[in-house]
Amino acid sequence: MKRNPSSSRLFSDSQKFEIRGFYRQGYPGGPWRPFVRVAVALPRFSVVRQVDMLVDSGADITTLQPQDSLLLLEEPQFSQLGEQHTVQGIGGLTTFFQEEAAIGLFLPNKRTCWVPIVIDIAEPSTPSGIPSTLGNDIMQFGVTSLDAVHRTVKIELWLPHSLVTKS
């Protein structure tokens, strides 16, 4: 029997949010990949920026790559970021900085639902071309539906104690 997450005790104190995404090609003639448009806030630096993130169910955490992080931070600010660590990914070894952040999920009626996370920010010298990713630290709270045939992305999240603001 398939269980509805909203009926689970885990989700009993939670509110359901639905986020829609889209597919786009990473390069001409390349495969279509699922993305979602979010806001990324770095409270310590008082910055917020809209970012298109690849929906990556294979990523444990959400990452911010240089093509997006350099729009949020100036290069000298990277030395002020949190703990530095190295991660082995498909693209090889990459150095990341951990930083407290919030991901803003755009909802209907010009509202944004904010999810606090610790994000991995790639060092500025990381080769470009790798998109920022929305990882399982966010997607673990719901159901992600990817329809490559119709190029639709739907993420349903059940979040407790959500902060929802006007966009």
C-alpha atoms as a PDB file:
ATOM      1  CA  MET A   1       0.000   0.000   0.000  1.00  0.00           C
ATOM      2  CA  LYS A   2       1.367   3.380  -0.974  1.00  0.00           C
ATOM      3  CA  ARG A   3       1.454   5.766   1.953  1.00  0.00           C
ATOM      4  CA  ASN A   4       0.576   9.420   1.640  1.00  0.00           C
ATOM      5  CA  PRO A   5       3.335  11.432   3.372  1.00  0.00           C
ATOM      6  CA  SER A   6       0.815  14.001   4.539  1.00  0.00           C
ATOM      7  CA  SER A   7      -0.934  11.341   6.642  1.00  0.00           C
ATOM      8  CA  SER A   8       2.277  10.334   8.427  1.00  0.00           C
ATOM      9  CA  ARG A   9       2.906  11.443  12.014  1.00  0.00           C
ATOM     10  CA  LEU A  10       6.213  12.890  10.796  1.00  0.00           C
ATOM     11  CA  PHE A  11       4.242  15.401   8.746  1.00  0.00           C
ATOM     12  CA  SER A  12       1.338  15.987  11.139  1.00  0.00           C
ATOM     13  CA  ASP A  13       2.621  19.395  12.296  1.00  0.00           C
ATOM     14  CA  SER A  14       3.749  20.394   8.822  1.00  0.00           C
ATOM     15  CA  GLN A  15       2.336  22.534   6.071  1.00  0.00           C
ATOM     16  CA  LYS A  16       2.409  21.358   2.443  1.00  0.00           C
ATOM     17  CA  PHE A  17       4.076  23.536  -0.188  1.00  0.00           C
ATOM     18  CA  GLU A  18       4.184  22.862  -3.925  1.00  0.00           C
ATOM     19  CA  ILE A  19       6.999  24.221  -6.066  1.00  0.00           C
ATOM     20  CA  ARG A  20       7.059  24.012  -9.856  1.00  0.00           C
ATOM     21  CA  GLY A  21      10.210  23.846 -11.928  1.00  0.00           C
ATOM     22  CA  PHE A  22      11.201  23.464 -15.547  1.00  0.00           C
ATOM     23  CA  TYR A  23      13.575  21.628 -17.876  1.00  0.00           C
ATOM     24  CA  ARG A  24      16.344  23.252 -19.886  1.00  0.00           C
ATOM     25  CA  GLN A  25      19.370  22.168 -21.861  1.00  0.00           C
ATOM     26  CA  GLY A  26      22.777  22.626 -20.278  1.00  0.00           C
ATOM     27  CA  TYR A  27      24.337  23.142 -23.700  1.00  0.00           C
ATOM     28  CA  PRO A  28      23.116  23.057 -27.336  1.00  0.00           C
ATOM     29  CA  GLY A  29      22.202  19.502 -28.302  1.00  0.00           C
ATOM     30  CA  GLY A  30      22.665  18.302 -24.702  1.00  0.00           C
ATOM     31  CA  PRO A  31      20.114  16.542 -22.531  1.00  0.00           C
ATOM     32  CA  TRP A  32      17.253  18.415 -20.919  1.00  0.00           C
ATOM     33  CA  ARG A  33      17.720  18.678 -17.145  1.00  0.00           C
ATOM     34  CA  PRO A  34      15.299  19.543 -14.316  1.00  0.00           C
ATOM     35  CA  PHE A  35      15.670  22.925 -12.601  1.00  0.00           C
ATOM     36  CA  VAL A  36      13.822  24.947 -10.006  1.00  0.00           C
ATOM     37  CA  ARG A  37      14.087  28.717  -9.513  1.00  0.00           C
ATOM     38  CA  VAL A  38      14.741  29.684  -5.881  1.00  0.00           C
ATOM     39  CA  ALA A  39      16.039  32.597  -3.854  1.00  0.00           C
ATOM     40  CA  VAL A  40      19.292  32.063  -1.977  1.00  0.00           C
ATOM     41  CA  ALA A  41      19.840  34.203   1.108  1.00  0.00           C
ATOM     42  CA  LEU A  42      23.160  34.484   2.927  1.00  0.00           C
ATOM     43  CA  PRO A  43      22.101  36.299   6.119  1.00  0.00           C
ATOM     44  CA  ARG A  44      25.634  36.973   7.390  1.00  0.00           C
ATOM     45  CA  PHE A  45      26.308  38.987   4.234  1.00  0.00           C
ATOM     46  CA  SER A  46      22.788  40.460   3.956  1.00  0.00           C
ATOM     47  CA  VAL A  47      22.373  39.282   0.358  1.00  0.00           C
ATOM     48  CA  VAL A  48      19.572  37.510  -1.518  1.00  0.00           C
ATOM     49  CA  ARG A  49      19.672  36.437  -5.158  1.00  0.00           C
ATOM     50  CA  GLN A  50      17.455  34.428  -7.487  1.00  0.00           C
ATOM     51  CA  VAL A  51      19.171  31.226  -8.671  1.00  0.00           C
ATOM     52  CA  ASP A  52      18.155  28.413 -11.037  1.00  0.00           C
ATOM     53  CA  MET A  53      19.220  25.154  -9.362  1.00  0.00           C
ATOM     54  CA  LEU A  54      19.516  21.718 -10.904  1.00  0.00           C
ATOM     55  CA  VAL A  55      17.223  19.286  -9.064  1.00  0.00           C
ATOM     56  CA  ASP A  56      19.789  16.655  -8.010  1.00  0.00           C
ATOM     57  CA  SER A  57      18.440  13.683  -6.066  1.00  0.00           C
ATOM     58  CA  GLY A  58      21.988  12.307  -5.942  1.00  0.00           C
ATOM     59  CA  ALA A  59      23.309  15.329  -4.022  1.00  0.00           C
ATOM     60  CA  ASP A  60      23.248  15.104  -0.241  1.00  0.00           C
ATOM     61  CA  ILE A  61      23.354  18.866   0.137  1.00  0.00           C
ATOM     62  CA  THR A  62      22.470  21.998  -1.770  1.00  0.00           C
ATOM     63  CA  THR A  63      25.410  23.676  -3.500  1.00  0.00           C
ATOM     64  CA  LEU A  64      26.124  27.090  -4.919  1.00  0.00           C
ATOM     65  CA  GLN A  65      28.539  27.231  -7.844  1.00  0.00           C
ATOM     66  CA  PRO A  66      30.686  30.249  -8.837  1.00  0.00           C
ATOM     67  CA  GLN A  67      28.401  31.472 -11.655  1.00  0.00           C
ATOM     68  CA  ASP A  68      25.805  32.097  -8.913  1.00  0.00           C
ATOM     69  CA  SER A  69      27.905  32.692  -5.792  1.00  0.00           C
ATOM     70  CA  LEU A  70      29.914  35.453  -7.493  1.00  0.00           C
ATOM     71  CA  LEU A  71      26.614  37.282  -8.029  1.00  0.00           C
ATOM     72  CA  LEU A  72      25.999  37.109  -4.257  1.00  0.00           C
ATOM     73  CA  LEU A  73      29.517  37.681  -2.943  1.00  0.00           C
ATOM     74  CA  GLU A  74      32.598  39.560  -4.010  1.00  0.00           C
ATOM     75  CA  GLU A  75      35.663  37.361  -4.297  1.00  0.00           C
ATOM     76  CA  PRO A  76      37.396  38.777  -1.156  1.00  0.00           C
ATOM     77  CA  GLN A  77      34.301  37.796   0.888  1.00  0.00           C
ATOM     78  CA  PHE A  78      34.984  34.106   0.277  1.00  0.00           C
ATOM     79  CA  SER A  79      37.714  34.265   2.944  1.00  0.00           C
ATOM     80  CA  GLN A  80      34.961  35.145   5.461  1.00  0.00           C
ATOM     81  CA  LEU A  81      32.889  32.052   4.684  1.00  0.00           C
ATOM     82  CA  GLY A  82      32.538  29.128   7.090  1.00  0.00           C
ATOM     83  CA  GLU A  83      34.425  25.842   7.315  1.00  0.00           C
ATOM     84  CA  GLN A  84      36.343  24.769   4.201  1.00  0.00           C
ATOM     85  CA  HIS A  85      36.256  21.136   3.035  1.00  0.00           C
ATOM     86  CA  THR A  86      36.882  19.065  -0.088  1.00  0.00           C
ATOM     87  CA  VAL A  87      34.157  17.021  -1.782  1.00  0.00           C
ATOM     88  CA  GLN A  88      34.577  14.279  -4.395  1.00  0.00           C
ATOM     89  CA  GLY A  89      31.928  14.610  -7.091  1.00  0.00           C
ATOM     90  CA  ILE A  90      31.433  13.564 -10.684  1.00  0.00           C
ATOM     91  CA  GLY A  91      33.522  16.560 -11.772  1.00  0.00           C
ATOM     92  CA  GLY A  92      36.428  15.571  -9.465  1.00  0.00           C
ATOM     93  CA  LEU A  93      37.571  17.131  -6.197  1.00  0.00           C
ATOM     94  CA  THR A  94      36.104  20.519  -5.358  1.00  0.00           C
ATOM     95  CA  THR A  95      36.740  22.811  -2.409  1.00  0.00           C
ATOM     96  CA  PHE A  96      33.608  24.147  -0.726  1.00  0.00           C
ATOM     97  CA  PHE A  97      32.857  26.512   2.123  1.00  0.00           C
ATOM     98  CA  GLN A  98      29.937  25.823   4.456  1.00  0.00           C
ATOM     99  CA  GLU A  99      27.685  28.765   5.199  1.00  0.00           C
ATOM    100  CA  GLU A 100      24.340  29.230   6.919  1.00  0.00           C
ATOM    101  CA  ALA A 101      21.757  30.141   4.323  1.00  0.00           C
ATOM    102  CA  ALA A 102      18.066  30.079   3.533  1.00  0.00           C
ATOM    103  CA  ILE A 103      16.493  28.763   0.368  1.00  0.00           C
ATOM    104  CA  GLY A 104      13.395  30.664  -0.732  1.00  0.00           C
ATOM    105  CA  LEU A 105      10.854  28.545  -2.565  1.00  0.00           C
ATOM    106  CA  PHE A 106       8.563  30.623  -4.766  1.00  0.00           C
ATOM    107  CA  LEU A 107       4.878  29.940  -4.145  1.00  0.00           C
ATOM    108  CA  PRO A 108       1.680  31.144  -5.829  1.00  0.00           C
ATOM    109  CA  ASN A 109       0.295  34.567  -4.891  1.00  0.00           C
ATOM    110  CA  LYS A 110       3.781  36.116  -4.781  1.00  0.00           C
ATOM    111  CA  ARG A 111       4.807  34.360  -1.587  1.00  0.00           C
ATOM    112  CA  THR A 112       8.125  32.745  -0.643  1.00  0.00           C
ATOM    113  CA  CYS A 113       8.644  29.868   1.789  1.00  0.00           C
ATOM    114  CA  TRP A 114      12.079  30.036   3.459  1.00  0.00           C
ATOM    115  CA  VAL A 115      13.982  26.874   4.432  1.00  0.00           C
ATOM    116  CA  PRO A 116      17.081  27.336   6.628  1.00  0.00           C
ATOM    117  CA  ILE A 117      20.042  25.169   5.578  1.00  0.00           C
ATOM    118  CA  VAL A 118      23.814  24.982   5.620  1.00  0.00           C
ATOM    119  CA  ILE A 119      24.843  25.405   1.979  1.00  0.00           C
ATOM    120  CA  ASP A 120      28.094  24.393   0.301  1.00  0.00           C
ATOM    121  CA  ILE A 121      29.586  27.264  -1.701  1.00  0.00           C
ATOM    122  CA  ALA A 122      32.239  26.257  -4.251  1.00  0.00           C
ATOM    123  CA  GLU A 123      35.456  28.242  -4.258  1.00  0.00           C
ATOM    124  CA  PRO A 124      35.505  30.884  -7.005  1.00  0.00           C
ATOM    125  CA  SER A 125      38.188  29.077  -9.051  1.00  0.00           C
ATOM    126  CA  THR A 126      35.961  26.010  -9.557  1.00  0.00           C
ATOM    127  CA  PRO A 127      35.515  25.349 -13.304  1.00  0.00           C
ATOM    128  CA  SER A 128      32.297  26.831 -14.625  1.00  0.00           C
ATOM    129  CA  GLY A 129      29.612  24.843 -16.362  1.00  0.00           C
ATOM    130  CA  ILE A 130      28.493  22.896 -13.295  1.00  0.00           C
ATOM    131  CA  PRO A 131      25.116  24.231 -12.152  1.00  0.00           C
ATOM    132  CA  SER A 132      24.184  25.031  -8.579  1.00  0.00           C
ATOM    133  CA  THR A 133      22.151  22.149  -7.147  1.00  0.00           C
ATOM    134  CA  LEU A 134      19.099  21.684  -4.979  1.00  0.00           C
ATOM    135  CA  GLY A 135      19.960  18.615  -2.909  1.00  0.00           C
ATOM    136  CA  ASN A 136      18.357  16.123  -0.582  1.00  0.00           C
ATOM    137  CA  ASP A 137      18.770  18.412   2.415  1.00  0.00           C
ATOM    138  CA  ILE A 138      15.670  20.127   0.961  1.00  0.00           C
ATOM    139  CA  MET A 139      14.011  17.337  -1.050  1.00  0.00           C
ATOM    140  CA  GLN A 140      14.015  14.897   1.896  1.00  0.00           C
ATOM    141  CA  PHE A 141      10.935  16.698   3.215  1.00  0.00           C
ATOM    142  CA  GLY A 142       8.635  15.605   0.428  1.00  0.00           C
ATOM    143  CA  VAL A 143       8.072  14.172  -3.013  1.00  0.00           C
ATOM    144  CA  THR A 144       9.892  15.184  -6.189  1.00  0.00           C
ATOM    145  CA  SER A 145       8.229  14.401  -9.530  1.00  0.00           C
ATOM    146  CA  LEU A 146      10.256  14.753 -12.714  1.00  0.00           C
ATOM    147  CA  ASP A 147       8.418  14.333 -16.019  1.00  0.00           C
ATOM    148  CA  ALA A 148      11.016  14.500 -18.784  1.00  0.00           C
ATOM    149  CA  VAL A 149       8.445  13.761 -21.494  1.00  0.00           C
ATOM    150  CA  HIS A 150       6.364  16.845 -20.653  1.00  0.00           C
ATOM    151  CA  ARG A 151       9.358  18.710 -19.174  1.00  0.00           C
ATOM    152  CA  THR A 152       7.683  19.442 -15.866  1.00  0.00           C
ATOM    153  CA  VAL A 153       9.122  19.474 -12.366  1.00  0.00           C
ATOM    154  CA  LYS A 154       6.983  19.367  -9.231  1.00  0.00           C
ATOM    155  CA  ILE A 155       8.314  19.335  -5.683  1.00  0.00           C
ATOM    156  CA  GLU A 156       5.870  18.880  -2.814  1.00  0.00           C
ATOM    157  CA  LEU A 157       7.359  19.623   0.593  1.00  0.00           C
ATOM    158  CA  TRP A 158       5.880  19.169   4.051  1.00  0.00           C
ATOM    159  CA  LEU A 159       7.651  21.707   6.250  1.00  0.00           C
ATOM    160  CA  PRO A 160       7.145  22.350   9.969  1.00  0.00           C
ATOM    161  CA  HIS A 161       7.241  25.880  11.363  1.00  0.00           C
ATOM    162  CA  SER A 162       7.575  27.470   7.943  1.00  0.00           C
ATOM    163  CA  LEU A 163       8.400  31.110   7.397  1.00  0.00           C
ATOM    164  CA  VAL A 164       6.376  32.454   4.493  1.00  0.00           C
ATOM    165  CA  THR A 165       6.885  36.022   3.276  1.00  0.00           C
ATOM    166  CA  LYS A 166       5.553  38.151   0.431  1.00  0.00           C
ATOM    167  CA  SER A 167       7.907  38.075  -2.553  1.00  0.00           C
END
